[in-house]
Amino acid sequence: MSTAVFYHAGCPVCVEAEQVFLNFLDEKKVQPEIVHLGEQRSKIADAEKVGVKSVPAIVVDGVVYHINYGASLEDVKKG
């Protein structure tokens, strides 16, 4: 089974992307994890480690897919 981690910071763009992501995800094939970096600040380092540069972003089996630029991770760190 594949894994997919959806990173976001809670902004309207991120929340909308999260809903689209969850609605289209086939949970029989992909195990999802939602990480709200505004609330789970300890996960920012994990996001950076796998290559996330901005949010919202999805990491599927280790490959980062950036979605509609919402905020850089540098901005999220400041927030």
PDB file of N, CA and C in Angstrom:
ATOM      1  N   MET A   1       0.845  -1.175   0.000  1.00  0.00           N
ATOM      2  CA  MET A   1       0.000   0.000   0.000  1.00  0.00           C
ATOM      3  C   MET A   1       0.892   1.241   0.000  1.00  0.00           C
ATOM      4  N   SER A   2       0.494   2.212  -0.785  1.00  0.00           N
ATOM      5  CA  SER A   2       1.219   3.478  -0.856  1.00  0.00           C
ATOM      6  C   SER A   2       0.856   4.350   0.342  1.00  0.00           C
ATOM      7  N   THR A   3       1.742   5.301   0.639  1.00  0.00           N
ATOM      8  CA  THR A   3       1.455   6.283   1.675  1.00  0.00           C
ATOM      9  C   THR A   3       1.413   7.664   1.030  1.00  0.00           C
ATOM     10  N   ALA A   4       0.573   8.518   1.566  1.00  0.00           N
ATOM     11  CA  ALA A   4       0.467   9.889   1.076  1.00  0.00           C
ATOM     12  C   ALA A   4       0.332  10.816   2.280  1.00  0.00           C
ATOM     13  N   VAL A   5       1.258  11.737   2.402  1.00  0.00           N
ATOM     14  CA  VAL A   5       1.204  12.712   3.487  1.00  0.00           C
ATOM     15  C   VAL A   5       0.856  14.057   2.871  1.00  0.00           C
ATOM     16  N   PHE A   6      -0.225  14.644   3.344  1.00  0.00           N
ATOM     17  CA  PHE A   6      -0.669  15.944   2.868  1.00  0.00           C
ATOM     18  C   PHE A   6      -0.268  16.975   3.913  1.00  0.00           C
ATOM     19  N   TYR A   7       0.645  17.875   3.536  1.00  0.00           N
ATOM     20  CA  TYR A   7       1.110  18.931   4.429  1.00  0.00           C
ATOM     21  C   TYR A   7       0.390  20.227   4.090  1.00  0.00           C
ATOM     22  N   HIS A   8      -0.095  20.919   5.129  1.00  0.00           N
ATOM     23  CA  HIS A   8      -0.695  22.224   4.904  1.00  0.00           C
ATOM     24  C   HIS A   8      -0.550  23.071   6.157  1.00  0.00           C
ATOM     25  N   ALA A   9      -0.939  24.353   6.042  1.00  0.00           N
ATOM     26  CA  ALA A   9      -0.783  25.276   7.161  1.00  0.00           C
ATOM     27  C   ALA A   9      -2.108  25.885   7.603  1.00  0.00           C
ATOM     28  N   GLY A  10      -3.207  25.394   7.081  1.00  0.00           N
ATOM     29  CA  GLY A  10      -4.509  25.841   7.532  1.00  0.00           C
ATOM     30  C   GLY A  10      -5.111  27.009   6.771  1.00  0.00           C
ATOM     31  N   CYS A  11      -4.406  27.539   5.786  1.00  0.00           N
ATOM     32  CA  CYS A  11      -4.950  28.651   5.016  1.00  0.00           C
ATOM     33  C   CYS A  11      -6.106  28.143   4.137  1.00  0.00           C
ATOM     34  N   PRO A  12      -6.939  29.041   3.611  1.00  0.00           N
ATOM     35  CA  PRO A  12      -8.074  28.599   2.783  1.00  0.00           C
ATOM     36  C   PRO A  12      -7.660  27.751   1.578  1.00  0.00           C
ATOM     37  N   VAL A  13      -6.563  28.100   0.920  1.00  0.00           N
ATOM     38  CA  VAL A  13      -6.080  27.307  -0.222  1.00  0.00           C
ATOM     39  C   VAL A  13      -5.746  25.893   0.237  1.00  0.00           C
ATOM     40  N   CYS A  14      -5.080  25.795   1.385  1.00  0.00           N
ATOM     41  CA  CYS A  14      -4.670  24.491   1.910  1.00  0.00           C
ATOM     42  C   CYS A  14      -5.868  23.633   2.305  1.00  0.00           C
ATOM     43  N   VAL A  15      -6.828  24.237   2.976  1.00  0.00           N
ATOM     44  CA  VAL A  15      -8.004  23.497   3.435  1.00  0.00           C
ATOM     45  C   VAL A  15      -8.804  22.985   2.242  1.00  0.00           C
ATOM     46  N   GLU A  16      -8.960  23.820   1.225  1.00  0.00           N
ATOM     47  CA  GLU A  16      -9.667  23.374   0.025  1.00  0.00           C
ATOM     48  C   GLU A  16      -8.927  22.227  -0.656  1.00  0.00           C
ATOM     49  N   ALA A  17      -7.611  22.345  -0.771  1.00  0.00           N
ATOM     50  CA  ALA A  17      -6.811  21.279  -1.390  1.00  0.00           C
ATOM     51  C   ALA A  17      -6.912  19.990  -0.574  1.00  0.00           C
ATOM     52  N   GLU A  18      -6.936  20.102   0.737  1.00  0.00           N
ATOM     53  CA  GLU A  18      -7.077  18.921   1.596  1.00  0.00           C
ATOM     54  C   GLU A  18      -8.393  18.205   1.298  1.00  0.00           C
ATOM     55  N   GLN A  19      -9.472  18.944   1.175  1.00  0.00           N
ATOM     56  CA  GLN A  19     -10.772  18.343   0.904  1.00  0.00           C
ATOM     57  C   GLN A  19     -10.794  17.645  -0.456  1.00  0.00           C
ATOM     58  N   VAL A  20     -10.215  18.276  -1.462  1.00  0.00           N
ATOM     59  CA  VAL A  20     -10.132  17.659  -2.787  1.00  0.00           C
ATOM     60  C   VAL A  20      -9.312  16.380  -2.712  1.00  0.00           C
ATOM     61  N   PHE A  21      -8.187  16.460  -2.045  1.00  0.00           N
ATOM     62  CA  PHE A  21      -7.296  15.307  -1.868  1.00  0.00           C
ATOM     63  C   PHE A  21      -8.045  14.139  -1.225  1.00  0.00           C
ATOM     64  N   LEU A  22      -8.720  14.406  -0.118  1.00  0.00           N
ATOM     65  CA  LEU A  22      -9.428  13.336   0.588  1.00  0.00           C
ATOM     66  C   LEU A  22     -10.598  12.786  -0.210  1.00  0.00           C
ATOM     67  N   ASN A  23     -11.287  13.645  -0.964  1.00  0.00           N
ATOM     68  CA  ASN A  23     -12.427  13.190  -1.753  1.00  0.00           C
ATOM     69  C   ASN A  23     -12.030  12.276  -2.901  1.00  0.00           C
ATOM     70  N   PHE A  24     -10.857  12.465  -3.459  1.00  0.00           N
ATOM     71  CA  PHE A  24     -10.448  11.685  -4.626  1.00  0.00           C
ATOM     72  C   PHE A  24      -9.511  10.532  -4.297  1.00  0.00           C
ATOM     73  N   LEU A  25      -9.123  10.441  -3.068  1.00  0.00           N
ATOM     74  CA  LEU A  25      -8.178   9.409  -2.655  1.00  0.00           C
ATOM     75  C   LEU A  25      -8.863   8.049  -2.553  1.00  0.00           C
ATOM     76  N   ASP A  26      -8.250   7.039  -3.102  1.00  0.00           N
ATOM     77  CA  ASP A  26      -8.741   5.672  -2.963  1.00  0.00           C
ATOM     78  C   ASP A  26      -8.025   5.060  -1.764  1.00  0.00           C
ATOM     79  N   GLU A  27      -8.704   5.023  -0.626  1.00  0.00           N
ATOM     80  CA  GLU A  27      -8.074   4.556   0.605  1.00  0.00           C
ATOM     81  C   GLU A  27      -7.784   3.055   0.597  1.00  0.00           C
ATOM     82  N   LYS A  28      -8.220   2.353  -0.437  1.00  0.00           N
ATOM     83  CA  LYS A  28      -7.859   0.945  -0.592  1.00  0.00           C
ATOM     84  C   LYS A  28      -6.443   0.817  -1.143  1.00  0.00           C
ATOM     85  N   LYS A  29      -5.956   1.903  -1.774  1.00  0.00           N
ATOM     86  CA  LYS A  29      -4.636   1.890  -2.396  1.00  0.00           C
ATOM     87  C   LYS A  29      -3.621   2.769  -1.683  1.00  0.00           C
ATOM     88  N   VAL A  30      -4.118   3.795  -0.980  1.00  0.00           N
ATOM     89  CA  VAL A  30      -3.232   4.788  -0.382  1.00  0.00           C
ATOM     90  C   VAL A  30      -3.631   5.047   1.061  1.00  0.00           C
ATOM     91  N   GLN A  31      -2.643   4.990   1.936  1.00  0.00           N
ATOM     92  CA  GLN A  31      -2.880   5.316   3.342  1.00  0.00           C
ATOM     93  C   GLN A  31      -2.558   6.796   3.552  1.00  0.00           C
ATOM     94  N   PRO A  32      -3.576   7.620   3.846  1.00  0.00           N
ATOM     95  CA  PRO A  32      -3.341   9.060   3.963  1.00  0.00           C
ATOM     96  C   PRO A  32      -2.948   9.491   5.376  1.00  0.00           C
ATOM     97  N   GLU A  33      -2.193  10.580   5.425  1.00  0.00           N
ATOM     98  CA  GLU A  33      -1.912  11.264   6.682  1.00  0.00           C
ATOM     99  C   GLU A  33      -2.028  12.755   6.388  1.00  0.00           C
ATOM    100  N   ILE A  34      -2.748  13.471   7.220  1.00  0.00           N
ATOM    101  CA  ILE A  34      -2.891  14.911   7.081  1.00  0.00           C
ATOM    102  C   ILE A  34      -2.051  15.565   8.169  1.00  0.00           C
ATOM    103  N   VAL A  35      -1.167  16.476   7.762  1.00  0.00           N
ATOM    104  CA  VAL A  35      -0.309  17.175   8.714  1.00  0.00           C
ATOM    105  C   VAL A  35      -0.551  18.671   8.583  1.00  0.00           C
ATOM    106  N   HIS A  36      -1.141  19.251   9.612  1.00  0.00           N
ATOM    107  CA  HIS A  36      -1.396  20.694   9.684  1.00  0.00           C
ATOM    108  C   HIS A  36      -0.181  21.297  10.384  1.00  0.00           C
ATOM    109  N   LEU A  37       0.710  21.904   9.608  1.00  0.00           N
ATOM    110  CA  LEU A  37       1.971  22.401  10.159  1.00  0.00           C
ATOM    111  C   LEU A  37       1.786  23.575  11.108  1.00  0.00           C
ATOM    112  N   GLY A  38       0.665  24.276  11.006  1.00  0.00           N
ATOM    113  CA  GLY A  38       0.386  25.344  11.955  1.00  0.00           C
ATOM    114  C   GLY A  38       0.099  24.801  13.346  1.00  0.00           C
ATOM    115  N   GLU A  39      -0.462  23.607  13.402  1.00  0.00           N
ATOM    116  CA  GLU A  39      -0.793  22.966  14.670  1.00  0.00           C
ATOM    117  C   GLU A  39       0.238  21.922  15.095  1.00  0.00           C
ATOM    118  N   GLN A  40       0.942  21.364  14.124  1.00  0.00           N
ATOM    119  CA  GLN A  40       1.934  20.320  14.395  1.00  0.00           C
ATOM    120  C   GLN A  40       3.324  20.828  13.983  1.00  0.00           C
ATOM    121  N   ARG A  41       3.766  21.878  14.644  1.00  0.00           N
ATOM    122  CA  ARG A  41       5.007  22.551  14.263  1.00  0.00           C
ATOM    123  C   ARG A  41       6.221  21.621  14.312  1.00  0.00           C
ATOM    124  N   SER A  42       6.167  20.604  15.132  1.00  0.00           N
ATOM    125  CA  SER A  42       7.277  19.659  15.227  1.00  0.00           C
ATOM    126  C   SER A  42       7.468  18.862  13.936  1.00  0.00           C
ATOM    127  N   LYS A  43       6.471  18.876  13.072  1.00  0.00           N
ATOM    128  CA  LYS A  43       6.549  18.133  11.798  1.00  0.00           C
ATOM    129  C   LYS A  43       7.171  18.959  10.670  1.00  0.00           C
ATOM    130  N   ILE A  44       7.460  20.238  10.920  1.00  0.00           N
ATOM    131  CA  ILE A  44       8.072  21.072   9.876  1.00  0.00           C
ATOM    132  C   ILE A  44       9.397  20.479   9.421  1.00  0.00           C
ATOM    133  N   ALA A  45      10.203  20.018  10.363  1.00  0.00           N
ATOM    134  CA  ALA A  45      11.500  19.417  10.016  1.00  0.00           C
ATOM    135  C   ALA A  45      11.309  18.177   9.143  1.00  0.00           C
ATOM    136  N   ASP A  46      10.281  17.376   9.429  1.00  0.00           N
ATOM    137  CA  ASP A  46       9.995  16.187   8.608  1.00  0.00           C
ATOM    138  C   ASP A  46       9.645  16.600   7.185  1.00  0.00           C
ATOM    139  N   ALA A  47       8.823  17.653   7.068  1.00  0.00           N
ATOM    140  CA  ALA A  47       8.427  18.139   5.749  1.00  0.00           C
ATOM    141  C   ALA A  47       9.652  18.614   4.961  1.00  0.00           C
ATOM    142  N   GLU A  48      10.521  19.361   5.616  1.00  0.00           N
ATOM    143  CA  GLU A  48      11.741  19.829   4.953  1.00  0.00           C
ATOM    144  C   GLU A  48      12.620  18.666   4.524  1.00  0.00           C
ATOM    145  N   LYS A  49      12.725  17.686   5.380  1.00  0.00           N
ATOM    146  CA  LYS A  49      13.593  16.523   5.124  1.00  0.00           C
ATOM    147  C   LYS A  49      13.193  15.772   3.852  1.00  0.00           C
ATOM    148  N   VAL A  50      11.884  15.701   3.582  1.00  0.00           N
ATOM    149  CA  VAL A  50      11.427  14.976   2.390  1.00  0.00           C
ATOM    150  C   VAL A  50      11.359  15.862   1.156  1.00  0.00           C
ATOM    151  N   GLY A  51      11.635  17.182   1.330  1.00  0.00           N
ATOM    152  CA  GLY A  51      11.708  18.060   0.170  1.00  0.00           C
ATOM    153  C   GLY A  51      10.556  19.016  -0.030  1.00  0.00           C
ATOM    154  N   VAL A  52       9.661  19.136   0.954  1.00  0.00           N
ATOM    155  CA  VAL A  52       8.564  20.088   0.835  1.00  0.00           C
ATOM    156  C   VAL A  52       9.129  21.499   0.936  1.00  0.00           C
ATOM    157  N   LYS A  53       8.798  22.332  -0.030  1.00  0.00           N
ATOM    158  CA  LYS A  53       9.268  23.721  -0.079  1.00  0.00           C
ATOM    159  C   LYS A  53       8.149  24.707   0.230  1.00  0.00           C
ATOM    160  N   SER A  54       6.909  24.302  -0.055  1.00  0.00           N
ATOM    161  CA  SER A  54       5.749  25.162   0.195  1.00  0.00           C
ATOM    162  C   SER A  54       4.546  24.271   0.455  1.00  0.00           C
ATOM    163  N   VAL A  55       3.533  24.884   1.024  1.00  0.00           N
ATOM    164  CA  VAL A  55       2.294  24.156   1.279  1.00  0.00           C
ATOM    165  C   VAL A  55       1.155  24.852   0.558  1.00  0.00           C
ATOM    166  N   PRO A  56       0.156  24.112   0.150  1.00  0.00           N
ATOM    167  CA  PRO A  56      -0.054  22.695   0.377  1.00  0.00           C
ATOM    168  C   PRO A  56       0.838  21.833  -0.517  1.00  0.00           C
ATOM    169  N   ALA A  57       1.162  20.672   0.003  1.00  0.00           N
ATOM    170  CA  ALA A  57       1.973  19.704  -0.744  1.00  0.00           C
ATOM    171  C   ALA A  57       1.572  18.291  -0.332  1.00  0.00           C
ATOM    172  N   ILE A  58       1.708  17.384  -1.268  1.00  0.00           N
ATOM    173  CA  ILE A  58       1.448  15.969  -1.004  1.00  0.00           C
ATOM    174  C   ILE A  58       2.741  15.207  -1.277  1.00  0.00           C
ATOM    175  N   VAL A  59       3.083  14.312  -0.375  1.00  0.00           N
ATOM    176  CA  VAL A  59       4.235  13.438  -0.573  1.00  0.00           C
ATOM    177  C   VAL A  59       3.698  12.022  -0.702  1.00  0.00           C
ATOM    178  N   VAL A  60       3.810  11.472  -1.906  1.00  0.00           N
ATOM    179  CA  VAL A  60       3.322  10.120  -2.189  1.00  0.00           C
ATOM    180  C   VAL A  60       4.522   9.223  -2.410  1.00  0.00           C
ATOM    181  N   ASP A  61       4.639   8.233  -1.546  1.00  0.00           N
ATOM    182  CA  ASP A  61       5.757   7.283  -1.622  1.00  0.00           C
ATOM    183  C   ASP A  61       7.096   7.997  -1.781  1.00  0.00           C
ATOM    184  N   GLY A  62       7.272   9.080  -1.033  1.00  0.00           N
ATOM    185  CA  GLY A  62       8.544   9.801  -1.021  1.00  0.00           C
ATOM    186  C   GLY A  62       8.722  10.853  -2.094  1.00  0.00           C
ATOM    187  N   VAL A  63       7.753  11.012  -2.991  1.00  0.00           N
ATOM    188  CA  VAL A  63       7.848  12.010  -4.065  1.00  0.00           C
ATOM    189  C   VAL A  63       6.944  13.190  -3.708  1.00  0.00           C
ATOM    190  N   VAL A  64       7.517  14.404  -3.748  1.00  0.00           N
ATOM    191  CA  VAL A  64       6.779  15.612  -3.366  1.00  0.00           C
ATOM    192  C   VAL A  64       6.047  16.199  -4.567  1.00  0.00           C
ATOM    193  N   TYR A  65       4.781  16.530  -4.344  1.00  0.00           N
ATOM    194  CA  TYR A  65       3.965  17.224  -5.338  1.00  0.00           C
ATOM    195  C   TYR A  65       3.452  18.507  -4.686  1.00  0.00           C
ATOM    196  N   HIS A  66       3.959  19.639  -5.161  1.00  0.00           N
ATOM    197  CA  HIS A  66       3.508  20.926  -4.635  1.00  0.00           C
ATOM    198  C   HIS A  66       2.228  21.340  -5.352  1.00  0.00           C
ATOM    199  N   ILE A  67       1.288  21.874  -4.581  1.00  0.00           N
ATOM    200  CA  ILE A  67      -0.022  22.244  -5.114  1.00  0.00           C
ATOM    201  C   ILE A  67      -0.224  23.736  -4.922  1.00  0.00           C
ATOM    202  N   ASN A  68      -0.607  24.438  -5.956  1.00  0.00           N
ATOM    203  CA  ASN A  68      -1.050  25.820  -5.851  1.00  0.00           C
ATOM    204  C   ASN A  68      -0.411  26.559  -4.679  1.00  0.00           C
ATOM    205  N   TYR A  69       0.698  27.166  -4.913  1.00  0.00           N
ATOM    206  CA  TYR A  69       1.502  27.826  -3.875  1.00  0.00           C
ATOM    207  C   TYR A  69       0.648  28.592  -2.867  1.00  0.00           C
ATOM    208  N   GLY A  70       0.686  28.151  -1.620  1.00  0.00           N
ATOM    209  CA  GLY A  70      -0.043  28.815  -0.545  1.00  0.00           C
ATOM    210  C   GLY A  70       0.900  29.586   0.356  1.00  0.00           C
ATOM    211  N   ALA A  71       1.961  28.919   0.847  1.00  0.00           N
ATOM    212  CA  ALA A  71       2.949  29.559   1.715  1.00  0.00           C
ATOM    213  C   ALA A  71       4.240  28.753   1.671  1.00  0.00           C
ATOM    214  N   SER A  72       5.361  29.457   1.736  1.00  0.00           N
ATOM    215  CA  SER A  72       6.638  28.755   1.802  1.00  0.00           C
ATOM    216  C   SER A  72       6.810  28.173   3.197  1.00  0.00           C
ATOM    217  N   LEU A  73       7.662  27.160   3.322  1.00  0.00           N
ATOM    218  CA  LEU A  73       7.922  26.609   4.648  1.00  0.00           C
ATOM    219  C   LEU A  73       8.598  27.648   5.529  1.00  0.00           C
ATOM    220  N   GLU A  74       9.360  28.544   4.932  1.00  0.00           N
ATOM    221  CA  GLU A  74       9.986  29.616   5.713  1.00  0.00           C
ATOM    222  C   GLU A  74       8.908  30.490   6.354  1.00  0.00           C
ATOM    223  N   ASP A  75       7.847  30.791   5.612  1.00  0.00           N
ATOM    224  CA  ASP A  75       6.732  31.569   6.179  1.00  0.00           C
ATOM    225  C   ASP A  75       6.017  30.793   7.280  1.00  0.00           C
ATOM    226  N   VAL A  76       5.858  29.484   7.074  1.00  0.00           N
ATOM    227  CA  VAL A  76       5.192  28.655   8.071  1.00  0.00           C
ATOM    228  C   VAL A  76       6.013  28.629   9.364  1.00  0.00           C
ATOM    229  N   LYS A  77       7.321  28.580   9.248  1.00  0.00           N
ATOM    230  CA  LYS A  77       8.188  28.591  10.429  1.00  0.00           C
ATOM    231  C   LYS A  77       8.012  29.860  11.249  1.00  0.00           C
ATOM    232  N   LYS A  78       7.820  30.971  10.569  1.00  0.00           N
ATOM    233  CA  LYS A  78       7.659  32.257  11.245  1.00  0.00           C
ATOM    234  C   LYS A  78       6.320  32.365  11.960  1.00  0.00           C
ATOM    235  N   GLY A  79       5.308  31.700  11.372  1.00  0.00           N
ATOM    236  CA  GLY A  79       3.936  31.838  11.838  1.00  0.00           C
ATOM    237  C   GLY A  79       3.685  31.268  13.154  1.00  0.00           C
TER     238      GLY A  79
END
